[in-house]
C-alpha atoms as a PDB file:
ATOM      1  CA  MET A   1      28.959 -17.180  78.738  1.00  0.00           C
ATOM      2  CA  GLY A   2      29.333 -17.765  74.968  1.00  0.00           C
ATOM      3  CA  VAL A   3      25.787 -16.548  74.310  1.00  0.00           C
ATOM      4  CA  ILE A   4      26.489 -13.263  76.098  1.00  0.00           C
ATOM      5  CA  VAL A   5      29.657 -12.652  74.018  1.00  0.00           C
ATOM      6  CA  LEU A   6      27.677 -13.455  70.841  1.00  0.00           C
ATOM      7  CA  ALA A   7      24.855 -11.100  71.803  1.00  0.00           C
ATOM      8  CA  VAL A   8      27.276  -8.234  72.637  1.00  0.00           C
ATOM      9  CA  THR A   9      29.203  -8.776  69.411  1.00  0.00           C
ATOM     10  CA  LEU A  10      25.986  -8.786  67.402  1.00  0.00           C
ATOM     11  CA  ALA A  11      24.733  -5.610  69.124  1.00  0.00           C
ATOM     12  CA  VAL A  12      28.030  -3.778  68.506  1.00  0.00           C
ATOM     13  CA  GLY A  13      27.939  -4.863  64.840  1.00  0.00           C
ATOM     14  CA  VAL A  14      24.408  -3.582  64.407  1.00  0.00           C
ATOM     15  CA  VAL A  15      25.265  -0.225  65.986  1.00  0.00           C
ATOM     16  CA  ILE A  16      28.349   0.194  63.807  1.00  0.00           C
ATOM     17  CA  GLY A  17      26.382  -0.791  60.694  1.00  0.00           C
ATOM     18  CA  LEU A  18      23.607   1.722  61.450  1.00  0.00           C
ATOM     19  CA  PHE A  19      26.178   4.463  62.075  1.00  0.00           C
ATOM     20  CA  LEU A  20      27.929   3.769  58.761  1.00  0.00           C
ATOM     21  CA  ARG A  21      24.630   3.609  56.899  1.00  0.00           C
ATOM     22  CA  HIS A  22      23.562   6.934  58.390  1.00  0.00           C
ATOM     23  CA  ARG A  23      26.845   8.561  57.393  1.00  0.00           C
ATOM     24  CA  ASP A  24      27.054   7.068  53.862  1.00  0.00           C
ATOM     25  CA  GLY A  25      26.779   9.715  51.129  1.00  0.00           C
ATOM     26  CA  ARG A  26      26.259  12.637  53.559  1.00  0.00           C
ATOM     27  CA  MET A  27      27.797  15.938  52.550  1.00  0.00           C
ATOM     28  CA  ARG A  28      29.947  17.359  55.266  1.00  0.00           C
ATOM     29  CA  THR A  29      31.783  20.619  55.480  1.00  0.00           C
ATOM     30  CA  VAL A  30      35.524  20.465  55.015  1.00  0.00           C
ATOM     31  CA  SER A  31      37.250  22.483  57.699  1.00  0.00           C
ATOM     32  CA  ALA A  32      40.749  23.866  57.641  1.00  0.00           C
ATOM     33  CA  PRO A  33      43.130  22.468  60.237  1.00  0.00           C
ATOM     34  CA  ALA A  34      43.179  24.370  63.542  1.00  0.00           C
ATOM     35  CA  SER A  35      45.800  27.053  63.840  1.00  0.00           C
ATOM     36  CA  ASP A  36      47.265  28.906  66.809  1.00  0.00           C
ATOM     37  CA  GLN A  37      47.363  32.132  64.809  1.00  0.00           C
ATOM     38  CA  ALA A  38      44.554  34.670  64.618  1.00  0.00           C
ATOM     39  CA  PRO A  39      42.504  34.582  61.374  1.00  0.00           C
ATOM     40  CA  GLN A  40      44.072  36.676  58.652  1.00  0.00           C
ATOM     41  CA  GLU A  41      42.240  38.924  56.226  1.00  0.00           C
ATOM     42  CA  ARG A  42      41.998  37.438  52.752  1.00  0.00           C
ATOM     43  CA  SER A  43      40.602  38.562  49.454  1.00  0.00           C
ATOM     44  CA  PRO A  44      37.599  36.779  47.879  1.00  0.00           C
ATOM     45  CA  GLY A  45      38.633  33.598  46.109  1.00  0.00           C
ATOM     46  CA  GLU A  46      41.821  33.247  48.137  1.00  0.00           C
ATOM     47  CA  PRO A  47      41.900  30.002  50.098  1.00  0.00           C
ATOM     48  CA  SER A  48      41.894  30.097  53.865  1.00  0.00           C
ATOM     49  CA  ALA A  49      45.052  28.934  55.642  1.00  0.00           C
ATOM     50  CA  GLY A  50      45.303  25.158  55.419  1.00  0.00           C
ATOM     51  CA  ALA A  51      42.412  24.833  52.961  1.00  0.00           C
ATOM     52  CA  THR A  52      42.648  22.202  50.257  1.00  0.00           C
ATOM     53  CA  VAL A  53      42.657  23.813  46.813  1.00  0.00           C
ATOM     54  CA  LEU A  54      42.467  21.915  43.521  1.00  0.00           C
ATOM     55  CA  THR A  55      43.411  23.457  40.190  1.00  0.00           C
ATOM     56  CA  SER A  56      42.307  22.530  36.674  1.00  0.00           C
ATOM     57  CA  GLU A  57      45.684  20.780  36.326  1.00  0.00           C
ATOM     58  CA  ASP A  58      44.958  18.661  39.418  1.00  0.00           C
ATOM     59  CA  ILE A  59      41.603  17.433  38.122  1.00  0.00           C
ATOM     60  CA  GLY A  60      42.475  17.334  34.399  1.00  0.00           C
ATOM     61  CA  ALA A  61      39.588  19.633  33.364  1.00  0.00           C
ATOM     62  CA  GLU A  62      38.538  23.253  33.673  1.00  0.00           C
ATOM     63  CA  LEU A  63      36.888  24.320  36.925  1.00  0.00           C
ATOM     64  CA  GLY A  64      33.210  25.274  36.738  1.00  0.00           C
ATOM     65  CA  GLU A  65      32.314  28.926  36.451  1.00  0.00           C
ATOM     66  CA  ARG A  66      30.549  28.810  39.835  1.00  0.00           C
ATOM     67  CA  ALA A  67      31.356  25.403  41.305  1.00  0.00           C
ATOM     68  CA  THR A  68      32.797  21.998  40.435  1.00  0.00           C
ATOM     69  CA  LEU A  69      31.668  18.530  41.478  1.00  0.00           C
ATOM     70  CA  VAL A  70      34.651  16.175  41.554  1.00  0.00           C
ATOM     71  CA  GLN A  71      33.896  12.471  41.718  1.00  0.00           C
ATOM     72  CA  PHE A  72      36.499   9.799  42.447  1.00  0.00           C
ATOM     73  CA  SER A  73      35.445   6.444  40.991  1.00  0.00           C
ATOM     74  CA  THR A  74      36.807   3.027  40.141  1.00  0.00           C
ATOM     75  CA  ALA A  75      35.940   0.764  37.242  1.00  0.00           C
ATOM     76  CA  PHE A  76      33.847  -1.854  39.073  1.00  0.00           C
ATOM     77  CA  CYS A  77      32.173   0.416  41.615  1.00  0.00           C
ATOM     78  CA  GLN A  78      28.394   0.084  41.319  1.00  0.00           C
ATOM     79  CA  PRO A  79      27.543   3.139  43.490  1.00  0.00           C
ATOM     80  CA  CYS A  80      29.936   5.168  41.289  1.00  0.00           C
ATOM     81  CA  ARG A  81      27.621   4.684  38.288  1.00  0.00           C
ATOM     82  CA  ALA A  82      24.574   5.979  40.180  1.00  0.00           C
ATOM     83  CA  THR A  83      26.657   8.887  41.545  1.00  0.00           C
ATOM     84  CA  ARG A  84      27.763   9.762  37.985  1.00  0.00           C
ATOM     85  CA  VAL A  85      24.107  10.029  36.943  1.00  0.00           C
ATOM     86  CA  VAL A  86      23.134  12.168  39.943  1.00  0.00           C
ATOM     87  CA  LEU A  87      26.079  14.585  39.598  1.00  0.00           C
ATOM     88  CA  GLY A  88      25.577  14.837  35.821  1.00  0.00           C
ATOM     89  CA  GLU A  89      21.925  15.796  36.337  1.00  0.00           C
ATOM     90  CA  VAL A  90      22.830  18.399  38.939  1.00  0.00           C
ATOM     91  CA  ALA A  91      25.501  19.857  36.660  1.00  0.00           C
ATOM     92  CA  ARG A  92      22.909  20.216  33.880  1.00  0.00           C
ATOM     93  CA  ILE A  93      20.363  21.803  36.235  1.00  0.00           C
ATOM     94  CA  VAL A  94      22.590  24.359  37.994  1.00  0.00           C
ATOM     95  CA  PRO A  95      24.206  26.912  35.660  1.00  0.00           C
ATOM     96  CA  GLY A  96      27.952  27.301  35.945  1.00  0.00           C
ATOM     97  CA  VAL A  97      28.504  23.919  37.602  1.00  0.00           C
ATOM     98  CA  ARG A  98      30.813  21.319  36.117  1.00  0.00           C
ATOM     99  CA  HIS A  99      31.012  17.605  36.962  1.00  0.00           C
ATOM    100  CA  VAL A 100      34.427  15.951  36.645  1.00  0.00           C
ATOM    101  CA  GLU A 101      34.933  12.239  37.240  1.00  0.00           C
ATOM    102  CA  ILE A 102      38.409  11.012  38.102  1.00  0.00           C
ATOM    103  CA  ASP A 103      39.511   7.386  37.943  1.00  0.00           C
ATOM    104  CA  ALA A 104      40.972   6.873  41.424  1.00  0.00           C
ATOM    105  CA  GLU A 105      43.216   4.044  40.272  1.00  0.00           C
ATOM    106  CA  SER A 106      44.988   6.195  37.695  1.00  0.00           C
ATOM    107  CA  ARG A 107      45.415   9.203  40.043  1.00  0.00           C
ATOM    108  CA  LEU A 108      46.819   7.621  43.219  1.00  0.00           C
ATOM    109  CA  ASP A 109      48.907  10.732  43.892  1.00  0.00           C
ATOM    110  CA  LEU A 110      45.747  12.852  44.160  1.00  0.00           C
ATOM    111  CA  VAL A 111      43.885  10.113  46.083  1.00  0.00           C
ATOM    112  CA  ARG A 112      46.646  10.062  48.709  1.00  0.00           C
ATOM    113  CA  ARG A 113      46.918  13.841  48.883  1.00  0.00           C
ATOM    114  CA  LEU A 114      43.150  14.163  49.519  1.00  0.00           C
ATOM    115  CA  GLY A 115      42.835  11.182  51.824  1.00  0.00           C
ATOM    116  CA  ILE A 116      40.296   9.381  49.629  1.00  0.00           C
ATOM    117  CA  MET A 117      39.576   6.065  51.356  1.00  0.00           C
ATOM    118  CA  ARG A 118      36.666   4.700  49.253  1.00  0.00           C
ATOM    119  CA  THR A 119      34.747   5.248  46.076  1.00  0.00           C
ATOM    120  CA  PRO A 120      32.676   7.077  45.220  1.00  0.00           C
ATOM    121  CA  THR A 121      33.969  10.130  47.007  1.00  0.00           C
ATOM    122  CA  VAL A 122      32.531  13.473  45.921  1.00  0.00           C
ATOM    123  CA  LEU A 123      34.194  16.852  46.511  1.00  0.00           C
ATOM    124  CA  VAL A 124      32.384  20.166  46.020  1.00  0.00           C
ATOM    125  CA  LEU A 125      34.742  22.946  44.968  1.00  0.00           C
ATOM    126  CA  ASP A 126      33.904  26.621  44.879  1.00  0.00           C
ATOM    127  CA  ARG A 127      34.809  28.708  41.807  1.00  0.00           C
ATOM    128  CA  SER A 128      38.416  29.093  43.040  1.00  0.00           C
ATOM    129  CA  GLY A 129      38.940  25.364  43.579  1.00  0.00           C
ATOM    130  CA  ASN A 130      38.637  25.379  47.392  1.00  0.00           C
ATOM    131  CA  VAL A 131      37.229  22.041  48.660  1.00  0.00           C
ATOM    132  CA  VAL A 132      34.212  23.089  50.735  1.00  0.00           C
ATOM    133  CA  LYS A 133      32.118  19.889  51.002  1.00  0.00           C
ATOM    134  CA  ARG A 134      32.868  16.202  50.850  1.00  0.00           C
ATOM    135  CA  ALA A 135      30.888  12.938  50.814  1.00  0.00           C
ATOM    136  CA  SER A 136      31.966   9.325  50.829  1.00  0.00           C
ATOM    137  CA  GLY A 137      29.465   6.932  49.336  1.00  0.00           C
ATOM    138  CA  ARG A 138      26.545   7.659  47.041  1.00  0.00           C
ATOM    139  CA  PRO A 139      25.082  11.124  47.804  1.00  0.00           C
ATOM    140  CA  ARG A 140      21.442  11.990  47.356  1.00  0.00           C
ATOM    141  CA  LYS A 141      20.599  14.527  44.669  1.00  0.00           C
ATOM    142  CA  VAL A 142      18.950  16.867  47.191  1.00  0.00           C
ATOM    143  CA  ASP A 143      22.080  16.837  49.363  1.00  0.00           C
ATOM    144  CA  VAL A 144      24.294  17.712  46.395  1.00  0.00           C
ATOM    145  CA  ILE A 145      22.000  20.576  45.412  1.00  0.00           C
ATOM    146  CA  ALA A 146      21.953  21.843  49.010  1.00  0.00           C
ATOM    147  CA  ALA A 147      25.783  21.687  49.172  1.00  0.00           C
ATOM    148  CA  LEU A 148      26.008  23.653  45.917  1.00  0.00           C
ATOM    149  CA  GLY A 149      23.480  26.159  47.276  1.00  0.00           C
ATOM    150  CA  ALA A 150      25.884  27.118  50.008  1.00  0.00           C
ATOM    151  CA  VAL A 151      28.758  27.512  47.529  1.00  0.00           C
ATOM    152  CA  VAL A 152      26.791  29.294  44.810  1.00  0.00           C
ATOM    153  CA  ASP A 153      24.989  31.643  47.258  1.00  0.00           C
ATOM    154  CA  ASP A 154      28.374  32.789  48.534  1.00  0.00           C
ATOM    155  CA  ASP A 155      29.279  34.009  45.050  1.00  0.00           C
ATOM    156  CA  ALA A 156      29.410  37.757  44.651  1.00  0.00           C
ATOM    157  CA  PRO A 157      26.664  39.141  42.378  1.00  0.00           C
ATOM    158  CA  ARG A 158      27.715  39.290  38.779  1.00  0.00           C
ATOM    159  CA  PRO A 159      26.765  41.930  36.217  1.00  0.00           C
ATOM    160  CA  ALA A 160      23.772  40.945  34.057  1.00  0.00           C
ATOM    161  CA  ALA A 161      26.004  40.792  30.939  1.00  0.00           C
ATOM    162  CA  GLU A 162      27.993  37.918  32.504  1.00  0.00           C
ATOM    163  CA  THR A 163      24.983  35.999  33.748  1.00  0.00           C
ATOM    164  CA  SER A 164      23.925  33.098  31.545  1.00  0.00           C
ATOM    165  CA  HIS A 165      20.696  31.171  32.060  1.00  0.00           C
ATOM    166  CA  GLU A 166      21.641  28.298  29.826  1.00  0.00           C
ATOM    167  CA  PRO A 167      23.684  25.495  31.324  1.00  0.00           C
ATOM    168  CA  SER A 168      26.986  25.851  29.522  1.00  0.00           C
ATOM    169  CA  GLN A 169      28.931  23.430  31.690  1.00  0.00           C
ATOM    170  CA  HIS A 170      28.982  19.695  31.205  1.00  0.00           C
ATOM    171  CA  SER A 171      30.370  16.542  32.673  1.00  0.00           C
ATOM    172  CA  ASP A 172      33.954  15.503  32.014  1.00  0.00           C
ATOM    173  CA  LYS A 173      35.455  12.093  32.639  1.00  0.00           C
ATOM    174  CA  VAL A 174      39.178  12.143  33.293  1.00  0.00           C
END
């Protein structure tokens, strides 16, 4: 009987481990809470009802011109270091994108408000500060670029005079 319990426990542990490994670092869309009311018309840049919006005051740095990558880290988090490198590279590659790193231990108010359970956690914000994508764990560079593609493609076309081809945004550590 003890061997059966051990085998079942081991099998359940393996399944849970594989599930967590599969989910680690995956970008997922952040959805607004369900509402009984019909969708309301809103102007571009205005958050949808129930959407999480972060301001430059919340993150301690200016939002990116087109998007912002917000990373929650802690001092001794090894995956946070690798995530910092990946997000910094993406911010340099994609014009108008800013990377902001926040020390989770010093911003517990924001961590609680956003439901951050582990580090690194990465949030992708559109130009207005709406949280549109989220990943817990170390994301892959290609997944971050794909998540930004959805945000940046949604931007309205800008006049040529405003378009800059040089990466003017940089990484900030808060």
